[in-house]
């Protein structure tokens, strides 16, 4: 879920730097999109559980993946993708 951005509060400070609430909002928005790549993400693309990936070279039935597992038990975040 993306954090609520209060429209009554400024998004930048007097120095033109992003306020923390706006920084969090932009990070959440940028992380909410589908990852795009060529080939299977398994063992290649690191992501958190729930992230989606689309194989731009995919053939019928091999196009979209979701990160299901936290890691391979050894901390490798590139493992745990399943074809959906």
N, C-alpha and C. Protein backbone atom coordinates (compact mmCIF):
# COMPACT_ATOMS: atom_id res chain seq x y z
N UNK A 1 0.85 -1.18 0.00
CA UNK A 1 0.00 0.00 0.00
C UNK A 1 0.89 1.24 0.00
N UNK A 2 0.52 2.19 -0.80
CA UNK A 2 1.29 3.43 -0.91
C UNK A 2 0.83 4.41 0.16
N UNK A 3 1.81 5.02 0.84
CA UNK A 3 1.51 5.96 1.91
C UNK A 3 0.69 7.14 1.40
N UNK A 4 -0.16 7.64 2.27
CA UNK A 4 -0.98 8.81 1.95
C UNK A 4 -0.10 10.04 1.93
N UNK A 5 -0.23 10.85 0.91
CA UNK A 5 0.51 12.10 0.80
C UNK A 5 -0.43 13.25 1.11
N UNK A 6 -0.20 13.93 2.21
CA UNK A 6 -1.07 15.02 2.66
C UNK A 6 -0.92 16.23 1.72
N UNK A 7 -1.97 16.59 0.99
CA UNK A 7 -1.88 17.69 0.02
C UNK A 7 -1.74 19.07 0.67
N UNK A 8 -1.91 19.16 1.98
CA UNK A 8 -1.78 20.45 2.65
C UNK A 8 -0.35 20.72 3.12
N UNK A 9 0.53 19.73 2.99
CA UNK A 9 1.91 19.89 3.43
C UNK A 9 2.83 20.03 2.22
N UNK A 10 3.88 20.83 2.34
CA UNK A 10 4.81 20.99 1.21
C UNK A 10 5.58 19.70 0.92
N UNK A 11 5.95 19.51 -0.33
CA UNK A 11 6.71 18.31 -0.69
C UNK A 11 8.22 18.58 -0.70
N UNK A 12 8.60 19.86 -0.67
CA UNK A 12 10.02 20.22 -0.58
C UNK A 12 10.21 21.25 0.53
N UNK A 13 11.41 21.29 1.09
CA UNK A 13 11.69 22.28 2.13
C UNK A 13 12.20 23.57 1.50
N UNK A 14 12.62 24.53 2.32
CA UNK A 14 13.07 25.83 1.82
C UNK A 14 14.34 25.74 0.98
N UNK A 15 15.08 24.63 1.10
CA UNK A 15 16.29 24.43 0.30
C UNK A 15 16.01 23.68 -1.01
N UNK A 16 14.74 23.36 -1.22
CA UNK A 16 14.36 22.63 -2.44
C UNK A 16 14.57 21.14 -2.34
N UNK A 17 14.83 20.63 -1.14
CA UNK A 17 15.04 19.20 -0.92
C UNK A 17 13.71 18.53 -0.59
N UNK A 18 13.56 17.27 -1.04
CA UNK A 18 12.33 16.55 -0.75
C UNK A 18 12.13 16.35 0.74
N UNK A 19 10.90 16.56 1.18
CA UNK A 19 10.53 16.24 2.56
C UNK A 19 10.46 14.71 2.68
N UNK A 20 10.64 14.19 3.90
CA UNK A 20 10.65 12.73 4.10
C UNK A 20 9.38 12.06 3.62
N UNK A 21 8.22 12.69 3.86
CA UNK A 21 6.95 12.07 3.45
C UNK A 21 6.87 11.95 1.93
N UNK A 22 7.38 12.94 1.20
CA UNK A 22 7.37 12.89 -0.26
C UNK A 22 8.39 11.88 -0.77
N UNK A 23 9.54 11.80 -0.10
CA UNK A 23 10.56 10.82 -0.47
C UNK A 23 10.01 9.40 -0.33
N UNK A 24 9.32 9.12 0.78
CA UNK A 24 8.70 7.81 0.99
C UNK A 24 7.66 7.53 -0.09
N UNK A 25 6.83 8.51 -0.38
CA UNK A 25 5.79 8.36 -1.40
C UNK A 25 6.39 8.01 -2.76
N UNK A 26 7.40 8.76 -3.19
CA UNK A 26 8.01 8.51 -4.50
C UNK A 26 8.71 7.15 -4.55
N UNK A 27 9.32 6.76 -3.44
CA UNK A 27 9.96 5.44 -3.38
C UNK A 27 8.92 4.33 -3.51
N UNK A 28 7.81 4.47 -2.82
CA UNK A 28 6.75 3.46 -2.89
C UNK A 28 6.13 3.40 -4.29
N UNK A 29 5.94 4.53 -4.92
CA UNK A 29 5.39 4.55 -6.28
C UNK A 29 6.36 3.88 -7.25
N UNK A 30 7.63 4.21 -7.16
CA UNK A 30 8.61 3.63 -8.09
C UNK A 30 8.77 2.14 -7.87
N UNK A 31 8.59 1.67 -6.64
CA UNK A 31 8.72 0.24 -6.35
C UNK A 31 7.46 -0.55 -6.65
N UNK A 32 6.36 0.12 -6.98
CA UNK A 32 5.10 -0.58 -7.20
C UNK A 32 4.94 -1.09 -8.63
N UNK A 33 5.79 -0.66 -9.54
CA UNK A 33 5.67 -1.07 -10.93
C UNK A 33 6.20 -2.47 -11.19
N UNK A 34 5.89 -3.00 -12.34
CA UNK A 34 6.37 -4.32 -12.76
C UNK A 34 7.79 -4.18 -13.30
N UNK A 35 8.66 -5.08 -12.87
CA UNK A 35 10.01 -5.12 -13.41
C UNK A 35 9.97 -5.70 -14.82
N UNK A 36 10.75 -5.17 -15.73
CA UNK A 36 10.82 -5.66 -17.10
C UNK A 36 12.22 -6.17 -17.37
N UNK A 37 12.30 -7.25 -18.12
CA UNK A 37 13.60 -7.79 -18.48
C UNK A 37 13.48 -8.82 -19.58
N UNK A 38 14.60 -9.43 -19.89
CA UNK A 38 14.64 -10.44 -20.95
C UNK A 38 15.13 -11.75 -20.36
N UNK A 39 14.26 -12.75 -20.39
CA UNK A 39 14.59 -14.05 -19.83
C UNK A 39 14.00 -14.20 -18.44
N UNK A 40 14.17 -15.38 -17.89
CA UNK A 40 13.67 -15.67 -16.55
C UNK A 40 14.42 -14.85 -15.51
N UNK A 41 13.71 -14.37 -14.47
CA UNK A 41 14.38 -13.62 -13.42
C UNK A 41 15.08 -14.51 -12.39
N UNK A 42 14.75 -15.81 -12.38
CA UNK A 42 15.27 -16.73 -11.36
C UNK A 42 16.80 -16.75 -11.36
N UNK A 43 17.36 -16.43 -10.21
CA UNK A 43 18.80 -16.42 -10.06
C UNK A 43 19.49 -15.18 -10.62
N UNK A 44 18.69 -14.23 -11.15
CA UNK A 44 19.26 -13.06 -11.79
C UNK A 44 18.76 -11.76 -11.17
N UNK A 45 17.45 -11.65 -10.95
CA UNK A 45 16.83 -10.41 -10.50
C UNK A 45 16.50 -10.49 -9.01
N UNK A 46 17.08 -9.59 -8.23
CA UNK A 46 16.79 -9.52 -6.79
C UNK A 46 15.54 -8.68 -6.57
N UNK A 47 14.67 -9.16 -5.68
CA UNK A 47 13.43 -8.44 -5.38
C UNK A 47 12.85 -8.93 -4.07
N UNK A 48 11.90 -8.14 -3.56
CA UNK A 48 11.17 -8.53 -2.36
C UNK A 48 9.95 -9.36 -2.76
N UNK A 49 9.44 -10.12 -1.79
CA UNK A 49 8.26 -10.95 -2.02
C UNK A 49 7.11 -10.08 -2.53
N UNK A 50 6.39 -10.58 -3.55
CA UNK A 50 5.24 -9.89 -4.12
C UNK A 50 5.55 -9.08 -5.36
N UNK A 51 6.82 -8.84 -5.64
CA UNK A 51 7.20 -8.07 -6.83
C UNK A 51 6.89 -8.88 -8.08
N UNK A 52 6.47 -8.21 -9.14
CA UNK A 52 6.15 -8.87 -10.40
C UNK A 52 7.22 -8.55 -11.44
N UNK A 53 7.41 -9.48 -12.37
CA UNK A 53 8.42 -9.35 -13.42
C UNK A 53 7.80 -9.83 -14.73
N UNK A 54 8.06 -9.11 -15.82
CA UNK A 54 7.58 -9.53 -17.12
C UNK A 54 8.76 -9.74 -18.05
N UNK A 55 8.81 -10.93 -18.65
CA UNK A 55 9.85 -11.30 -19.60
C UNK A 55 9.46 -10.77 -20.97
N UNK A 56 10.20 -9.79 -21.46
CA UNK A 56 9.88 -9.18 -22.75
C UNK A 56 10.15 -10.11 -23.93
N UNK A 57 10.94 -11.16 -23.71
CA UNK A 57 11.22 -12.14 -24.77
C UNK A 57 10.38 -13.40 -24.62
N UNK A 58 9.52 -13.41 -23.61
CA UNK A 58 8.77 -14.62 -23.27
C UNK A 58 7.91 -15.15 -24.40
N UNK A 59 7.86 -16.46 -24.46
CA UNK A 59 6.97 -17.13 -25.40
C UNK A 59 5.64 -17.36 -24.70
N UNK A 60 4.66 -17.83 -25.41
CA UNK A 60 3.34 -18.07 -24.83
C UNK A 60 3.48 -18.94 -23.58
N UNK A 61 2.95 -18.45 -22.48
CA UNK A 61 2.99 -19.19 -21.22
C UNK A 61 4.22 -18.93 -20.37
N UNK A 62 5.17 -18.18 -20.87
CA UNK A 62 6.39 -17.87 -20.12
C UNK A 62 6.64 -16.37 -20.10
N UNK A 63 5.69 -15.63 -19.59
CA UNK A 63 5.80 -14.18 -19.68
C UNK A 63 5.88 -13.49 -18.32
N UNK A 64 5.02 -13.86 -17.37
CA UNK A 64 4.94 -13.11 -16.12
C UNK A 64 5.30 -13.98 -14.92
N UNK A 65 6.10 -13.40 -14.02
CA UNK A 65 6.57 -14.07 -12.83
C UNK A 65 6.21 -13.23 -11.61
N UNK A 66 6.15 -13.89 -10.45
CA UNK A 66 5.97 -13.19 -9.18
C UNK A 66 6.99 -13.75 -8.20
N UNK A 67 7.52 -12.88 -7.38
CA UNK A 67 8.48 -13.30 -6.36
C UNK A 67 7.68 -13.85 -5.19
N UNK A 68 7.79 -15.16 -4.96
CA UNK A 68 6.99 -15.82 -3.93
C UNK A 68 7.79 -16.07 -2.66
N UNK A 69 9.04 -16.47 -2.79
CA UNK A 69 9.83 -16.87 -1.63
C UNK A 69 10.76 -15.75 -1.19
N UNK A 70 10.97 -15.65 0.11
CA UNK A 70 11.81 -14.60 0.68
C UNK A 70 13.22 -14.68 0.12
N UNK A 71 13.86 -15.82 0.20
CA UNK A 71 15.17 -16.06 -0.39
C UNK A 71 15.41 -17.56 -0.39
N UNK A 72 16.59 -17.98 -0.75
CA UNK A 72 16.89 -19.41 -0.84
C UNK A 72 17.39 -19.98 0.48
N UNK A 73 17.25 -19.23 1.57
CA UNK A 73 17.74 -19.68 2.86
C UNK A 73 19.14 -19.17 3.15
N UNK A 74 19.83 -18.74 2.13
CA UNK A 74 21.19 -18.22 2.29
C UNK A 74 21.23 -16.71 2.05
N UNK A 75 20.07 -16.08 1.95
CA UNK A 75 20.02 -14.64 1.76
C UNK A 75 20.04 -14.18 0.31
N UNK A 76 19.92 -15.10 -0.63
CA UNK A 76 19.95 -14.75 -2.05
C UNK A 76 18.56 -14.31 -2.49
N UNK A 77 18.38 -12.99 -2.68
CA UNK A 77 17.07 -12.45 -3.06
C UNK A 77 16.76 -12.61 -4.55
N UNK A 78 17.65 -13.27 -5.31
CA UNK A 78 17.38 -13.53 -6.72
C UNK A 78 16.63 -14.83 -6.91
N UNK A 79 16.48 -15.61 -5.87
CA UNK A 79 15.77 -16.90 -5.93
C UNK A 79 14.34 -16.74 -5.45
N UNK A 80 13.46 -17.65 -5.88
CA UNK A 80 12.09 -17.66 -5.39
C UNK A 80 11.05 -17.12 -6.34
N UNK A 81 11.41 -16.93 -7.61
CA UNK A 81 10.45 -16.47 -8.62
C UNK A 81 9.65 -17.66 -9.12
N UNK A 82 8.34 -17.46 -9.32
CA UNK A 82 7.50 -18.50 -9.93
C UNK A 82 6.75 -17.92 -11.12
N UNK A 83 6.55 -18.75 -12.11
CA UNK A 83 5.81 -18.37 -13.30
C UNK A 83 4.33 -18.36 -12.97
N UNK A 84 3.63 -17.27 -13.36
CA UNK A 84 2.19 -17.20 -13.10
C UNK A 84 1.42 -17.10 -14.39
